[in-house]
């Protein structure tokens, strides 16, 4: 009896420091959350995602519960999750409250801006029982998100998310944060999060460099946009740089996206007003290099 009581007391003492086992059944209600969960090594525990979750590619075969803004709560409940993880942006907190009222445990990923990304991953990793893996990812982010070497004058940049209508990234977005960290002056700073700018507004702001994000099926409309902006020096002199979609989601691929931006900056020569051919800037659009 004495040994049993001793073991019980030790368990009580250790329980304050023990890390709970990861949930066996996780549903993600945001693409950024899905990427973080997989990076934490919990892809096998992920039993449901949104229709927009497509990275890593291996999650595309998992059951879907609708879009991030309007998931089917019936579909979520049918999966019998141990926890549902949501993004702090948009309807995430409201959906979390509804799920909690239905008796479903939830966790919010609070890392939608660069300044809070590393700590957001640390907190989510603790919530999901994998703090060590979270610390590894967060440490890498902390090192990757340090400001780079400052240039003289920050080049004015237009970041194209979609060309027709022209949608860019304004204030309060990860893309705007990343552009400033990479040493650029975002011509949409001060605007709403994802404003649609007229071509006239672009002409007035005279971007010195146009950075184009990855988008499926956007090439024809991008070519039309560049024709209409043909009098801009950035278009005439080929200062157009193509990057991937790493910056579209606040998660473990953000350093990859910032590295792409910095390579765009390295290829921008203010004296020659051109992008050096090669690497991420080598793609040709309408003969513009």
Protein backbone atom coordinates (compact mmCIF):
# COMPACT_ATOMS: atom_id res chain seq x y z
CA UNK A 1 0.00 0.00 0.00
CA UNK A 2 2.83 2.38 0.89
CA UNK A 3 4.50 1.86 -2.51
CA UNK A 4 1.21 2.51 -4.31
CA UNK A 5 0.72 5.78 -2.40
CA UNK A 6 4.30 6.79 -3.19
CA UNK A 7 3.78 6.18 -6.89
CA UNK A 8 0.53 8.10 -6.77
CA UNK A 9 2.22 11.09 -5.14
CA UNK A 10 5.03 11.02 -7.69
CA UNK A 11 2.48 10.99 -10.50
CA UNK A 12 0.78 14.05 -9.00
CA UNK A 13 4.11 15.86 -8.78
CA UNK A 14 5.17 14.93 -12.31
CA UNK A 15 1.76 15.75 -13.83
CA UNK A 16 2.53 19.45 -13.62
CA UNK A 17 5.51 19.08 -15.90
CA UNK A 18 4.48 16.21 -18.16
CA UNK A 19 3.44 17.04 -21.72
CA UNK A 20 0.12 15.58 -22.81
CA UNK A 21 0.20 13.16 -25.72
CA UNK A 22 -0.69 14.70 -29.10
CA UNK A 23 -4.37 14.47 -30.04
CA UNK A 24 -5.02 11.45 -32.20
CA UNK A 25 -7.73 13.09 -34.32
CA UNK A 26 -7.13 16.68 -35.49
CA UNK A 27 -9.25 18.77 -37.87
CA UNK A 28 -7.72 21.90 -39.43
CA UNK A 29 -9.95 24.77 -40.54
CA UNK A 30 -7.31 26.88 -42.32
CA UNK A 31 -4.62 26.18 -44.94
CA UNK A 32 -1.97 27.93 -42.85
CA UNK A 33 -2.92 25.79 -39.85
CA UNK A 34 -2.65 22.64 -41.95
CA UNK A 35 0.89 23.55 -42.98
CA UNK A 36 1.90 24.17 -39.38
CA UNK A 37 0.35 20.92 -38.15
CA UNK A 38 2.20 18.94 -40.82
CA UNK A 39 5.48 20.71 -40.06
CA UNK A 40 5.00 19.72 -36.41
CA UNK A 41 5.02 16.08 -37.50
CA UNK A 42 1.29 15.50 -36.94
CA UNK A 43 0.12 14.89 -40.50
CA UNK A 44 -0.90 11.32 -39.64
CA UNK A 45 -3.12 12.71 -36.86
CA UNK A 46 -4.83 15.10 -39.28
CA UNK A 47 -8.20 13.59 -40.18
CA UNK A 48 -9.93 16.58 -41.80
CA UNK A 49 -8.98 19.74 -43.69
CA UNK A 50 -10.61 22.52 -45.71
CA UNK A 51 -11.10 22.47 -49.47
CA UNK A 52 -8.30 25.06 -49.76
CA UNK A 53 -5.68 22.98 -47.92
CA UNK A 54 -3.26 21.82 -50.60
CA UNK A 55 0.18 21.93 -48.99
CA UNK A 56 1.91 19.61 -48.48
CA UNK A 57 0.46 17.78 -51.46
CA UNK A 58 -0.10 14.66 -49.36
CA UNK A 59 -3.03 16.31 -47.52
CA UNK A 60 -5.11 16.61 -50.67
CA UNK A 61 -6.62 13.16 -50.22
CA UNK A 62 -7.87 13.81 -46.69
CA UNK A 63 -11.59 14.35 -45.93
CA UNK A 64 -12.68 17.95 -46.40
CA UNK A 65 -15.20 19.95 -44.36
CA UNK A 66 -15.75 22.98 -46.61
CA UNK A 67 -13.99 26.32 -46.84
CA UNK A 68 -12.24 28.14 -43.97
CA UNK A 69 -14.93 30.84 -43.75
CA UNK A 70 -17.94 28.52 -43.91
CA UNK A 71 -17.04 24.93 -42.97
CA UNK A 72 -19.78 22.39 -42.43
CA UNK A 73 -20.05 21.90 -38.68
CA UNK A 74 -21.94 18.67 -39.35
CA UNK A 75 -18.96 17.38 -41.36
CA UNK A 76 -16.58 18.42 -38.57
CA UNK A 77 -18.65 16.66 -35.91
CA UNK A 78 -18.96 13.53 -38.07
CA UNK A 79 -15.17 13.15 -37.99
CA UNK A 80 -15.23 12.92 -34.16
CA UNK A 81 -12.14 15.11 -33.67
CA UNK A 82 -10.18 15.35 -30.45
CA UNK A 83 -9.39 18.95 -31.33
CA UNK A 84 -10.24 21.42 -34.10
CA UNK A 85 -7.53 23.99 -34.90
CA UNK A 86 -8.55 27.36 -36.33
CA UNK A 87 -6.82 30.54 -37.45
CA UNK A 88 -7.17 33.70 -35.36
CA UNK A 89 -8.15 35.71 -38.44
CA UNK A 90 -11.60 36.10 -39.95
CA UNK A 91 -14.29 33.84 -38.53
CA UNK A 92 -11.86 31.62 -36.61
CA UNK A 93 -12.65 32.85 -33.07
CA UNK A 94 -16.41 32.86 -33.74
CA UNK A 95 -16.30 29.32 -35.12
CA UNK A 96 -14.18 28.21 -32.17
CA UNK A 97 -16.83 29.51 -29.76
CA UNK A 98 -19.57 27.61 -31.62
CA UNK A 99 -17.58 24.38 -31.57
CA UNK A 100 -16.80 24.75 -27.88
CA UNK A 101 -20.53 25.10 -27.17
CA UNK A 102 -21.01 21.80 -29.03
CA UNK A 103 -18.47 20.15 -26.74
CA UNK A 104 -15.56 20.13 -29.23
CA UNK A 105 -12.14 21.14 -27.97
CA UNK A 106 -10.53 23.88 -30.09
CA UNK A 107 -7.17 25.59 -30.43
CA UNK A 108 -6.47 28.93 -32.12
CA UNK A 109 -3.32 29.52 -34.14
CA UNK A 110 -2.28 33.06 -33.23
CA UNK A 111 0.51 33.70 -35.71
CA UNK A 112 -0.95 35.47 -38.71
CA UNK A 113 1.62 38.30 -38.73
CA UNK A 114 5.38 37.96 -38.96
CA UNK A 115 5.99 39.54 -35.55
CA UNK A 116 3.99 36.82 -33.80
CA UNK A 117 4.58 33.84 -36.09
CA UNK A 118 7.34 32.08 -34.15
CA UNK A 119 5.56 32.44 -30.80
CA UNK A 120 2.28 31.40 -32.40
CA UNK A 121 3.86 28.15 -33.56
CA UNK A 122 5.38 27.60 -30.11
CA UNK A 123 1.96 28.01 -28.46
CA UNK A 124 0.18 25.75 -30.94
CA UNK A 125 2.90 23.11 -30.57
CA UNK A 126 2.39 23.14 -26.80
CA UNK A 127 -1.39 22.87 -27.26
CA UNK A 128 -0.88 19.85 -29.51
CA UNK A 129 1.65 18.12 -27.27
CA UNK A 130 4.78 18.56 -29.42
CA UNK A 131 6.62 21.51 -27.82
CA UNK A 132 10.10 20.37 -28.86
CA UNK A 133 9.20 20.27 -32.55
CA UNK A 134 7.54 23.67 -32.20
CA UNK A 135 10.69 25.11 -30.68
CA UNK A 136 12.79 23.80 -33.58
CA UNK A 137 10.53 25.46 -36.17
CA UNK A 138 10.21 28.68 -34.16
CA UNK A 139 13.97 28.92 -33.71
CA UNK A 140 14.47 28.61 -37.46
CA UNK A 141 11.86 31.34 -38.01
CA UNK A 142 13.50 33.64 -35.49
CA UNK A 143 16.81 33.34 -37.34
CA UNK A 144 15.22 33.70 -40.79
CA UNK A 145 13.14 36.77 -39.94
CA UNK A 146 16.01 38.99 -38.92
CA UNK A 147 16.29 42.15 -41.03
CA UNK A 148 18.75 41.91 -43.90
CA UNK A 149 21.30 44.44 -45.07
CA UNK A 150 19.76 47.84 -45.68
CA UNK A 151 19.93 49.35 -49.11
CA UNK A 152 20.06 53.09 -49.71
CA UNK A 153 16.55 53.83 -50.90
CA UNK A 154 13.95 51.10 -50.69
CA UNK A 155 12.68 50.26 -54.20
CA UNK A 156 8.95 50.88 -54.68
CA UNK A 157 7.26 47.54 -55.29
CA UNK A 158 3.93 46.31 -56.58
CA UNK A 159 3.14 42.76 -55.41
CA UNK A 160 0.60 41.16 -57.76
CA UNK A 161 -1.62 38.53 -56.15
CA UNK A 162 -4.08 38.51 -59.05
CA UNK A 163 -3.85 40.67 -62.18
CA UNK A 164 -7.48 41.14 -63.31
CA UNK A 165 -8.90 42.74 -61.29
CA UNK A 166 -5.52 43.74 -59.93
CA UNK A 167 -5.34 42.55 -56.32
CA UNK A 168 -2.30 43.32 -54.20
CA UNK A 169 -1.30 43.13 -50.53
CA UNK A 170 -1.84 46.13 -48.29
CA UNK A 171 -1.24 46.84 -44.63
CA UNK A 172 -1.89 44.20 -42.02
CA UNK A 173 -0.79 41.29 -44.20
CA UNK A 174 2.13 38.89 -44.02
CA UNK A 175 3.12 39.92 -47.55
CA UNK A 176 3.40 43.58 -46.51
CA UNK A 177 5.44 42.54 -43.45
CA UNK A 178 7.71 40.43 -45.66
CA UNK A 179 8.20 43.17 -48.25
CA UNK A 180 9.35 45.62 -45.57
CA UNK A 181 11.62 43.00 -44.00
CA UNK A 182 13.18 42.36 -47.42
CA UNK A 183 13.88 46.06 -47.89
CA UNK A 184 11.05 47.14 -50.20
CA UNK A 185 8.57 50.02 -50.14
CA UNK A 186 5.13 48.50 -50.78
CA UNK A 187 3.11 50.92 -52.91
CA UNK A 188 -0.10 49.49 -51.39
CA UNK A 189 0.98 50.17 -47.79
CA UNK A 190 -1.69 52.11 -45.96
CA UNK A 191 -4.46 50.46 -47.95
CA UNK A 192 -6.84 47.73 -46.80
CA UNK A 193 -5.46 44.21 -46.42
CA UNK A 194 -6.02 43.07 -50.02
CA UNK A 195 -7.03 46.09 -52.09
CA UNK A 196 -7.99 46.05 -55.75
CA UNK A 197 -6.02 48.85 -57.39
CA UNK A 198 -6.87 50.48 -60.70
CA UNK A 199 -4.22 50.63 -63.41
CA UNK A 200 -4.35 54.42 -63.09
CA UNK A 201 -3.45 54.16 -59.40
CA UNK A 202 -0.49 51.94 -60.30
CA UNK A 203 0.72 54.42 -62.91
CA UNK A 204 0.58 57.25 -60.36
CA UNK A 205 2.60 55.28 -57.80
CA UNK A 206 5.25 54.27 -60.38
CA UNK A 207 6.53 50.97 -58.90
CA UNK A 208 10.19 50.37 -59.72
CA UNK A 209 9.77 46.60 -59.47
CA UNK A 210 6.77 44.32 -60.02
CA UNK A 211 6.73 41.07 -58.06
CA UNK A 212 4.21 38.47 -59.22
CA UNK A 213 3.00 35.75 -56.88
CA UNK A 214 2.11 32.28 -58.05
CA UNK A 215 -1.47 31.79 -59.20
CA UNK A 216 -3.07 29.02 -61.20
CA UNK A 217 -4.35 30.16 -64.61
CA UNK A 218 -3.33 33.80 -64.25
CA UNK A 219 -0.85 34.09 -67.14
CA UNK A 220 -3.25 35.41 -69.84
CA UNK A 221 -4.64 38.14 -67.58
CA UNK A 222 -1.12 38.97 -66.37
CA UNK A 223 -0.03 39.55 -69.95
CA UNK A 224 -2.99 41.88 -70.50
CA UNK A 225 -2.13 43.79 -67.33
CA UNK A 226 1.49 44.23 -68.40
CA UNK A 227 0.42 45.49 -71.83
CA UNK A 228 -1.76 48.12 -70.19
CA UNK A 229 1.11 49.11 -67.90
CA UNK A 230 3.57 49.13 -70.79
CA UNK A 231 4.56 52.76 -70.30
CA UNK A 232 5.84 52.05 -66.78
CA UNK A 233 9.61 51.99 -66.60
CA UNK A 234 9.44 48.78 -64.56
CA UNK A 235 7.69 47.03 -67.46
CA UNK A 236 9.74 48.61 -70.24
CA UNK A 237 13.02 47.68 -68.57
CA UNK A 238 12.00 44.21 -67.46
CA UNK A 239 11.93 44.73 -63.71
CA UNK A 240 9.47 41.88 -63.16
CA UNK A 241 10.17 39.07 -60.73
CA UNK A 242 8.13 35.88 -60.23
CA UNK A 243 7.93 34.15 -56.86
CA UNK A 244 6.04 31.16 -55.46
CA UNK A 245 3.11 31.05 -53.05
CA UNK A 246 5.06 30.66 -49.79
CA UNK A 247 4.02 34.11 -48.54
CA UNK A 248 0.32 33.46 -49.00
CA UNK A 249 0.09 31.55 -45.72
CA UNK A 250 1.57 32.42 -42.38
CA UNK A 251 3.50 29.29 -41.55
CA UNK A 252 6.77 27.38 -41.81
CA UNK A 253 7.35 28.28 -45.50
CA UNK A 254 7.56 32.03 -44.79
CA UNK A 255 11.41 32.02 -44.74
CA UNK A 256 11.33 30.51 -48.23
CA UNK A 257 9.12 33.36 -49.43
CA UNK A 258 11.29 36.05 -47.85
CA UNK A 259 14.38 34.48 -49.43
CA UNK A 260 12.65 34.76 -52.82
CA UNK A 261 11.91 38.44 -52.20
CA UNK A 262 15.51 39.07 -51.25
CA UNK A 263 16.72 37.36 -54.41
CA UNK A 264 14.41 39.68 -56.37
CA UNK A 265 16.05 42.59 -54.59
CA UNK A 266 19.53 41.32 -55.33
CA UNK A 267 18.66 41.13 -59.02
CA UNK A 268 17.34 44.68 -59.01
CA UNK A 269 20.16 46.94 -60.14
CA UNK A 270 19.17 50.59 -59.55
CA UNK A 271 21.95 51.84 -61.81
CA UNK A 272 21.18 49.62 -64.80
CA UNK A 273 17.44 49.48 -63.97
CA UNK A 274 17.13 45.81 -64.75
CA UNK A 275 16.82 42.39 -63.22
CA UNK A 276 19.84 40.18 -63.70
CA UNK A 277 18.86 37.05 -65.62
CA UNK A 278 18.83 33.85 -63.61
CA UNK A 279 17.23 32.17 -60.62
CA UNK A 280 13.78 33.25 -59.58
CA UNK A 281 13.83 36.22 -61.97
CA UNK A 282 14.62 34.26 -65.10
CA UNK A 283 11.03 33.63 -66.22
CA UNK A 284 9.92 35.48 -69.36
CA UNK A 285 6.51 37.11 -69.76
CA UNK A 286 5.54 38.68 -73.10
CA UNK A 287 9.20 38.89 -73.97
CA UNK A 288 9.89 40.95 -70.84
CA UNK A 289 12.92 39.52 -69.01
